[in-house]
PDB file of N, CA and C in Angstrom:
ATOM      1  N   UNK A   1      -6.415   3.744  -1.289  1.00  0.00           N
ATOM      2  CA  UNK A   1      -5.321   4.347  -0.422  1.00  0.00           C
ATOM      3  C   UNK A   1      -5.951   5.085   0.664  1.00  0.00           C
ATOM      4  N   UNK A   2      -5.537   4.866   1.884  1.00  0.00           N
ATOM      5  CA  UNK A   2      -6.100   5.727   3.030  1.00  0.00           C
ATOM      6  C   UNK A   2      -5.616   7.098   3.216  1.00  0.00           C
ATOM      7  N   UNK A   3      -6.296   7.843   3.711  1.00  0.00           N
ATOM      8  CA  UNK A   3      -5.848   9.402   4.058  1.00  0.00           C
ATOM      9  C   UNK A   3      -5.076   9.354   5.376  1.00  0.00           C
ATOM     10  N   UNK A   4      -4.405  10.346   5.621  1.00  0.00           N
ATOM     11  CA  UNK A   4      -3.627  10.297   6.989  1.00  0.00           C
ATOM     12  C   UNK A   4      -4.555  10.395   8.060  1.00  0.00           C
ATOM     13  N   UNK A   5      -5.750  11.036   7.796  1.00  0.00           N
ATOM     14  CA  UNK A   5      -6.838  11.166   8.867  1.00  0.00           C
ATOM     15  C   UNK A   5      -7.454   9.943   9.155  1.00  0.00           C
ATOM     16  N   UNK A   6      -7.709   9.163   8.270  1.00  0.00           N
ATOM     17  CA  UNK A   6      -8.481   7.921   8.419  1.00  0.00           C
ATOM     18  C   UNK A   6      -7.448   6.966   9.083  1.00  0.00           C
ATOM     19  N   UNK A   7      -6.182   6.952   8.677  1.00  0.00           N
ATOM     20  CA  UNK A   7      -5.266   6.085   9.459  1.00  0.00           C
ATOM     21  C   UNK A   7      -5.318   6.432  10.973  1.00  0.00           C
ATOM     22  N   UNK A   8      -5.239   7.784  11.169  1.00  0.00           N
ATOM     23  CA  UNK A   8      -5.303   8.065  12.476  1.00  0.00           C
ATOM     24  C   UNK A   8      -6.341   7.800  13.373  1.00  0.00           C
ATOM     25  N   UNK A   9      -7.629   7.868  12.607  1.00  0.00           N
ATOM     26  CA  UNK A   9      -8.799   7.369  12.995  1.00  0.00           C
ATOM     27  C   UNK A   9      -8.839   5.857  13.556  1.00  0.00           C
ATOM     28  N   UNK A  10      -8.459   5.124  12.497  1.00  0.00           N
ATOM     29  CA  UNK A  10      -8.416   3.722  12.605  1.00  0.00           C
ATOM     30  C   UNK A  10      -7.421   3.170  13.758  1.00  0.00           C
ATOM     31  N   UNK A  11      -6.373   3.928  13.928  1.00  0.00           N
ATOM     32  CA  UNK A  11      -5.379   3.420  14.983  1.00  0.00           C
ATOM     33  C   UNK A  11      -5.909   3.764  16.318  1.00  0.00           C
ATOM     34  N   UNK A  12      -6.918   4.688  16.491  1.00  0.00           N
ATOM     35  CA  UNK A  12      -7.184   5.037  17.861  1.00  0.00           C
ATOM     36  C   UNK A  12      -8.182   3.955  18.440  1.00  0.00           C
ATOM     37  N   UNK A  13      -8.116   3.826  19.638  1.00  0.00           N
ATOM     38  CA  UNK A  13      -9.012   2.959  20.395  1.00  0.00           C
ATOM     39  C   UNK A  13     -10.170   3.532  20.649  1.00  0.00           C
ATOM     40  N   UNK A  14     -11.262   2.664  20.524  1.00  0.00           N
ATOM     41  CA  UNK A  14     -12.560   3.201  20.858  1.00  0.00           C
ATOM     42  C   UNK A  14     -12.715   3.760  22.239  1.00  0.00           C
ATOM     43  N   UNK A  15     -13.441   4.926  22.605  1.00  0.00           N
ATOM     44  CA  UNK A  15     -13.531   5.466  24.092  1.00  0.00           C
ATOM     45  C   UNK A  15     -12.260   5.903  24.677  1.00  0.00           C
ATOM     46  N   UNK A  16     -11.235   5.949  24.037  1.00  0.00           N
ATOM     47  CA  UNK A  16      -9.836   6.562  24.658  1.00  0.00           C
ATOM     48  C   UNK A  16      -9.542   7.790  23.967  1.00  0.00           C
ATOM     49  N   UNK A  17      -9.385   8.811  24.776  1.00  0.00           N
ATOM     50  CA  UNK A  17      -8.884  10.139  24.191  1.00  0.00           C
ATOM     51  C   UNK A  17      -7.436   9.967  23.379  1.00  0.00           C
ATOM     52  N   UNK A  18      -7.441  10.279  22.321  1.00  0.00           N
ATOM     53  CA  UNK A  18      -6.369  10.240  21.394  1.00  0.00           C
ATOM     54  C   UNK A  18      -5.720  11.605  20.854  1.00  0.00           C
ATOM     55  N   UNK A  19      -4.585  11.882  21.336  1.00  0.00           N
ATOM     56  CA  UNK A  19      -3.910  13.143  20.827  1.00  0.00           C
ATOM     57  C   UNK A  19      -3.344  12.894  19.398  1.00  0.00           C
ATOM     58  N   UNK A  20      -3.516  13.860  18.451  1.00  0.00           N
ATOM     59  CA  UNK A  20      -3.039  13.775  17.170  1.00  0.00           C
ATOM     60  C   UNK A  20      -1.708  14.400  17.340  1.00  0.00           C
ATOM     61  N   UNK A  21      -0.625  13.485  17.331  1.00  0.00           N
ATOM     62  CA  UNK A  21       0.867  13.929  17.445  1.00  0.00           C
ATOM     63  C   UNK A  21       1.540  14.248  16.091  1.00  0.00           C
ATOM     64  N   UNK A  22       2.166  15.344  16.193  1.00  0.00           N
ATOM     65  CA  UNK A  22       2.920  15.780  14.963  1.00  0.00           C
ATOM     66  C   UNK A  22       4.326  15.371  14.878  1.00  0.00           C
ATOM     67  N   UNK A  23       5.004  15.047  15.908  1.00  0.00           N
ATOM     68  CA  UNK A  23       6.369  14.700  16.010  1.00  0.00           C
ATOM     69  C   UNK A  23       6.685  13.579  15.069  1.00  0.00           C
ATOM     70  N   UNK A  24       7.706  13.673  14.390  1.00  0.00           N
ATOM     71  CA  UNK A  24       8.251  12.461  13.488  1.00  0.00           C
ATOM     72  C   UNK A  24       7.346  12.199  12.293  1.00  0.00           C
ATOM     73  N   UNK A  25       6.522  12.834  11.752  1.00  0.00           N
ATOM     74  CA  UNK A  25       5.614  12.525  10.817  1.00  0.00           C
ATOM     75  C   UNK A  25       5.490  13.629   9.886  1.00  0.00           C
ATOM     76  N   UNK A  26       4.788  13.543   8.771  1.00  0.00           N
ATOM     77  CA  UNK A  26       4.301  14.775   7.972  1.00  0.00           C
ATOM     78  C   UNK A  26       3.677  15.659   8.537  1.00  0.00           C
ATOM     79  N   UNK A  27       3.073  15.462   9.767  1.00  0.00           N
ATOM     80  CA  UNK A  27       1.986  16.428  10.654  1.00  0.00           C
ATOM     81  C   UNK A  27       2.861  17.429  11.232  1.00  0.00           C
ATOM     82  N   UNK A  28       4.235  17.382  11.149  1.00  0.00           N
ATOM     83  CA  UNK A  28       5.271  18.488  11.639  1.00  0.00           C
ATOM     84  C   UNK A  28       4.963  19.689  10.760  1.00  0.00           C
ATOM     85  N   UNK A  29       4.510  19.498   9.636  1.00  0.00           N
ATOM     86  CA  UNK A  29       4.247  20.691   8.835  1.00  0.00           C
ATOM     87  C   UNK A  29       2.747  21.237   9.331  1.00  0.00           C
ATOM     88  N   UNK A  30       2.736  22.549   9.648  1.00  0.00           N
ATOM     89  CA  UNK A  30       1.420  22.878  10.290  1.00  0.00           C
ATOM     90  C   UNK A  30       0.250  22.904   9.425  1.00  0.00           C
ATOM     91  N   UNK A  31       0.544  23.155   8.088  1.00  0.00           N
ATOM     92  CA  UNK A  31      -0.528  23.101   7.278  1.00  0.00           C
ATOM     93  C   UNK A  31      -1.033  21.758   6.987  1.00  0.00           C
ATOM     94  N   UNK A  32      -0.363  20.712   6.998  1.00  0.00           N
ATOM     95  CA  UNK A  32      -0.639  19.303   6.902  1.00  0.00           C
ATOM     96  C   UNK A  32      -1.516  18.969   8.182  1.00  0.00           C
ATOM     97  N   UNK A  33      -0.975  19.280   9.289  1.00  0.00           N
ATOM     98  CA  UNK A  33      -1.698  19.001  10.560  1.00  0.00           C
ATOM     99  C   UNK A  33      -3.012  19.681  10.523  1.00  0.00           C
ATOM    100  N   UNK A  34      -3.198  21.012  10.139  1.00  0.00           N
ATOM    101  CA  UNK A  34      -4.369  21.763   9.993  1.00  0.00           C
ATOM    102  C   UNK A  34      -5.461  21.079   9.183  1.00  0.00           C
ATOM    103  N   UNK A  35      -5.010  20.447   8.118  1.00  0.00           N
ATOM    104  CA  UNK A  35      -5.604  19.828   7.052  1.00  0.00           C
ATOM    105  C   UNK A  35      -6.331  18.515   7.798  1.00  0.00           C
ATOM    106  N   UNK A  36      -5.461  17.670   8.309  1.00  0.00           N
ATOM    107  CA  UNK A  36      -5.804  16.386   8.919  1.00  0.00           C
ATOM    108  C   UNK A  36      -6.784  16.782  10.085  1.00  0.00           C
ATOM    109  N   UNK A  37      -6.672  17.770  10.971  1.00  0.00           N
ATOM    110  CA  UNK A  37      -7.300  18.185  11.892  1.00  0.00           C
ATOM    111  C   UNK A  37      -8.891  18.445  11.368  1.00  0.00           C
ATOM    112  N   UNK A  38      -8.913  19.214  10.429  1.00  0.00           N
ATOM    113  CA  UNK A  38     -10.155  19.574   9.637  1.00  0.00           C
ATOM    114  C   UNK A  38     -11.022  18.282   9.161  1.00  0.00           C
ATOM    115  N   UNK A  39     -10.060  17.425   8.677  1.00  0.00           N
ATOM    116  CA  UNK A  39     -10.708  16.105   8.068  1.00  0.00           C
ATOM    117  C   UNK A  39     -11.318  15.267   9.155  1.00  0.00           C
ATOM    118  N   UNK A  40     -10.691  15.268  10.595  1.00  0.00           N
ATOM    119  CA  UNK A  40     -11.108  14.575  11.657  1.00  0.00           C
ATOM    120  C   UNK A  40     -12.407  15.333  12.309  1.00  0.00           C
ATOM    121  N   UNK A  41     -12.449  16.612  12.127  1.00  0.00           N
ATOM    122  CA  UNK A  41     -13.634  17.389  12.578  1.00  0.00           C
ATOM    123  C   UNK A  41     -14.903  17.098  11.818  1.00  0.00           C
ATOM    124  N   UNK A  42     -14.566  16.836  10.476  1.00  0.00           N
ATOM    125  CA  UNK A  42     -15.556  16.372   9.419  1.00  0.00           C
ATOM    126  C   UNK A  42     -15.947  15.069   9.848  1.00  0.00           C
ATOM    127  N   UNK A  43     -15.236  14.084  10.407  1.00  0.00           N
ATOM    128  CA  UNK A  43     -15.656  12.927  10.842  1.00  0.00           C
ATOM    129  C   UNK A  43     -16.392  12.912  12.038  1.00  0.00           C
ATOM    130  N   UNK A  44     -16.355  14.067  12.891  1.00  0.00           N
ATOM    131  CA  UNK A  44     -17.222  14.181  14.131  1.00  0.00           C
ATOM    132  C   UNK A  44     -18.620  14.377  13.516  1.00  0.00           C
ATOM    133  N   UNK A  45     -18.846  15.205  12.466  1.00  0.00           N
ATOM    134  CA  UNK A  45     -20.232  15.408  11.881  1.00  0.00           C
ATOM    135  C   UNK A  45     -20.752  14.099  11.443  1.00  0.00           C
ATOM    136  N   UNK A  46     -19.958  13.055  11.123  1.00  0.00           N
ATOM    137  CA  UNK A  46     -20.404  11.846  10.658  1.00  0.00           C
ATOM    138  C   UNK A  46     -20.780  10.803  11.831  1.00  0.00           C
ATOM    139  N   UNK A  47     -20.484  11.341  13.045  1.00  0.00           N
ATOM    140  CA  UNK A  47     -20.820  10.604  14.227  1.00  0.00           C
ATOM    141  C   UNK A  47     -19.657   9.501  14.577  1.00  0.00           C
ATOM    142  N   UNK A  48     -18.594   9.598  13.796  1.00  0.00           N
ATOM    143  CA  UNK A  48     -17.419   8.621  14.071  1.00  0.00           C
ATOM    144  C   UNK A  48     -16.506   8.885  15.265  1.00  0.00           C
ATOM    145  N   UNK A  49     -16.386  10.147  15.766  1.00  0.00           N
ATOM    146  CA  UNK A  49     -15.623  10.565  16.775  1.00  0.00           C
ATOM    147  C   UNK A  49     -16.161  11.761  17.405  1.00  0.00           C
ATOM    148  N   UNK A  50     -15.550  12.093  18.648  1.00  0.00           N
ATOM    149  CA  UNK A  50     -15.967  13.526  19.454  1.00  0.00           C
ATOM    150  C   UNK A  50     -14.593  14.103  19.550  1.00  0.00           C
ATOM    151  N   UNK A  51     -14.662  15.386  19.152  1.00  0.00           N
ATOM    152  CA  UNK A  51     -13.489  16.250  19.462  1.00  0.00           C
ATOM    153  C   UNK A  51     -13.523  16.790  21.029  1.00  0.00           C
ATOM    154  N   UNK A  52     -12.488  16.346  21.679  1.00  0.00           N
ATOM    155  CA  UNK A  52     -12.413  16.743  23.229  1.00  0.00           C
ATOM    156  C   UNK A  52     -11.478  17.912  23.581  1.00  0.00           C
ATOM    157  N   UNK A  53     -10.551  18.337  22.442  1.00  0.00           N
ATOM    158  CA  UNK A  53      -9.894  19.376  22.903  1.00  0.00           C
ATOM    159  C   UNK A  53      -9.289  19.881  21.591  1.00  0.00           C
ATOM    160  N   UNK A  54      -9.263  21.154  21.309  1.00  0.00           N
ATOM    161  CA  UNK A  54      -8.824  21.747  20.025  1.00  0.00           C
ATOM    162  C   UNK A  54      -8.190  23.072  20.353  1.00  0.00           C
ATOM    163  N   UNK A  55      -6.985  23.420  19.766  1.00  0.00           N
ATOM    164  CA  UNK A  55      -6.350  24.539  19.880  1.00  0.00           C
ATOM    165  C   UNK A  55      -5.991  25.204  18.661  1.00  0.00           C
ATOM    166  N   UNK A  56      -6.343  26.513  18.395  1.00  0.00           N
ATOM    167  CA  UNK A  56      -6.068  27.084  17.238  1.00  0.00           C
ATOM    168  C   UNK A  56      -4.563  27.886  17.363  1.00  0.00           C
ATOM    169  N   UNK A  57      -3.838  27.997  16.359  1.00  0.00           N
ATOM    170  CA  UNK A  57      -2.470  28.480  16.403  1.00  0.00           C
ATOM    171  C   UNK A  57      -2.288  29.716  16.890  1.00  0.00           C
ATOM    172  N   UNK A  58      -3.291  30.826  16.583  1.00  0.00           N
ATOM    173  CA  UNK A  58      -3.174  32.024  16.973  1.00  0.00           C
ATOM    174  C   UNK A  58      -4.404  32.650  17.740  1.00  0.00           C
ATOM    175  N   UNK A  59      -5.238  31.684  18.273  1.00  0.00           N
ATOM    176  CA  UNK A  59      -6.562  31.918  18.832  1.00  0.00           C
ATOM    177  C   UNK A  59      -7.634  32.481  18.176  1.00  0.00           C
ATOM    178  N   UNK A  60      -7.464  32.696  16.838  1.00  0.00           N
ATOM    179  CA  UNK A  60      -8.473  33.229  16.071  1.00  0.00           C
ATOM    180  C   UNK A  60      -9.218  32.133  15.342  1.00  0.00           C
ATOM    181  N   UNK A  61     -10.504  32.337  15.140  1.00  0.00           N
ATOM    182  CA  UNK A  61     -11.361  31.173  14.592  1.00  0.00           C
ATOM    183  C   UNK A  61     -10.910  30.899  13.178  1.00  0.00           C
ATOM    184  N   UNK A  62     -10.106  31.725  12.364  1.00  0.00           N
ATOM    185  CA  UNK A  62      -9.686  31.388  11.040  1.00  0.00           C
ATOM    186  C   UNK A  62      -8.180  30.879  11.068  1.00  0.00           C
ATOM    187  N   UNK A  63      -7.508  30.745  12.180  1.00  0.00           N
ATOM    188  CA  UNK A  63      -6.291  30.306  12.455  1.00  0.00           C
ATOM    189  C   UNK A  63      -6.264  28.819  12.084  1.00  0.00           C
ATOM    190  N   UNK A  64      -4.887  28.238  11.781  1.00  0.00           N
ATOM    191  CA  UNK A  64      -4.783  26.865  11.786  1.00  0.00           C
ATOM    192  C   UNK A  64      -4.836  26.108  13.088  1.00  0.00           C
ATOM    193  N   UNK A  65      -5.267  24.993  12.942  1.00  0.00           N
ATOM    194  CA  UNK A  65      -5.352  24.001  14.203  1.00  0.00           C
ATOM    195  C   UNK A  65      -3.975  23.698  14.504  1.00  0.00           C
ATOM    196  N   UNK A  66      -3.609  23.870  15.667  1.00  0.00           N
ATOM    197  CA  UNK A  66      -2.228  23.177  15.997  1.00  0.00           C
ATOM    198  C   UNK A  66      -2.189  22.221  17.018  1.00  0.00           C
ATOM    199  N   UNK A  67      -3.358  21.768  17.671  1.00  0.00           N
ATOM    200  CA  UNK A  67      -3.556  20.639  18.636  1.00  0.00           C
ATOM    201  C   UNK A  67      -4.966  20.126  18.598  1.00  0.00           C
ATOM    202  N   UNK A  68      -4.908  18.936  18.558  1.00  0.00           N
ATOM    203  CA  UNK A  68      -6.375  18.336  18.431  1.00  0.00           C
ATOM    204  C   UNK A  68      -6.290  16.994  19.227  1.00  0.00           C
ATOM    205  N   UNK A  69      -7.330  16.803  20.122  1.00  0.00           N
ATOM    206  CA  UNK A  69      -7.384  15.381  20.750  1.00  0.00           C
ATOM    207  C   UNK A  69      -9.094  15.048  20.550  1.00  0.00           C
ATOM    208  N   UNK A  70      -9.015  13.652  20.293  1.00  0.00           N
ATOM    209  CA  UNK A  70     -10.540  13.255  19.963  1.00  0.00           C
ATOM    210  C   UNK A  70     -10.596  11.815  20.763  1.00  0.00           C
ATOM    211  N   UNK A  71     -12.099  11.468  20.657  1.00  0.00           N
ATOM    212  CA  UNK A  71     -12.416  10.057  21.270  1.00  0.00           C
ATOM    213  C   UNK A  71     -13.002   9.460  20.012  1.00  0.00           C
ATOM    214  N   UNK A  72     -12.585   8.282  19.752  1.00  0.00           N
ATOM    215  CA  UNK A  72     -13.343   7.456  18.613  1.00  0.00           C
ATOM    216  C   UNK A  72     -14.641   6.878  19.164  1.00  0.00           C
ATOM    217  N   UNK A  73     -15.673   6.916  18.628  1.00  0.00           N
ATOM    218  CA  UNK A  73     -17.125   6.405  18.980  1.00  0.00           C
ATOM    219  C   UNK A  73     -17.187   5.090  18.514  1.00  0.00           C
ATOM    220  N   UNK A  74     -16.807   4.758  17.449  1.00  0.00           N
ATOM    221  CA  UNK A  74     -16.946   3.429  16.906  1.00  0.00           C
ATOM    222  C   UNK A  74     -15.934   2.958  15.948  1.00  0.00           C
TER     223      UNK A  74
END
């Protein structure tokens, strides 16, 4: 069974900036969005993607992520 973050990664086109959209999905829950965003950030560490934009909900480093855009590398 695929995780939501893996499904988002696989649906993205290689080399194209992809916005992680919360509307109409379970990502509308800010805690789910934050969890998926952190999973995607871990994929960056594996060299699968590059984060090109990230916004934290309250601007603090420990705040939930509420916007993320990435580029799939492979």
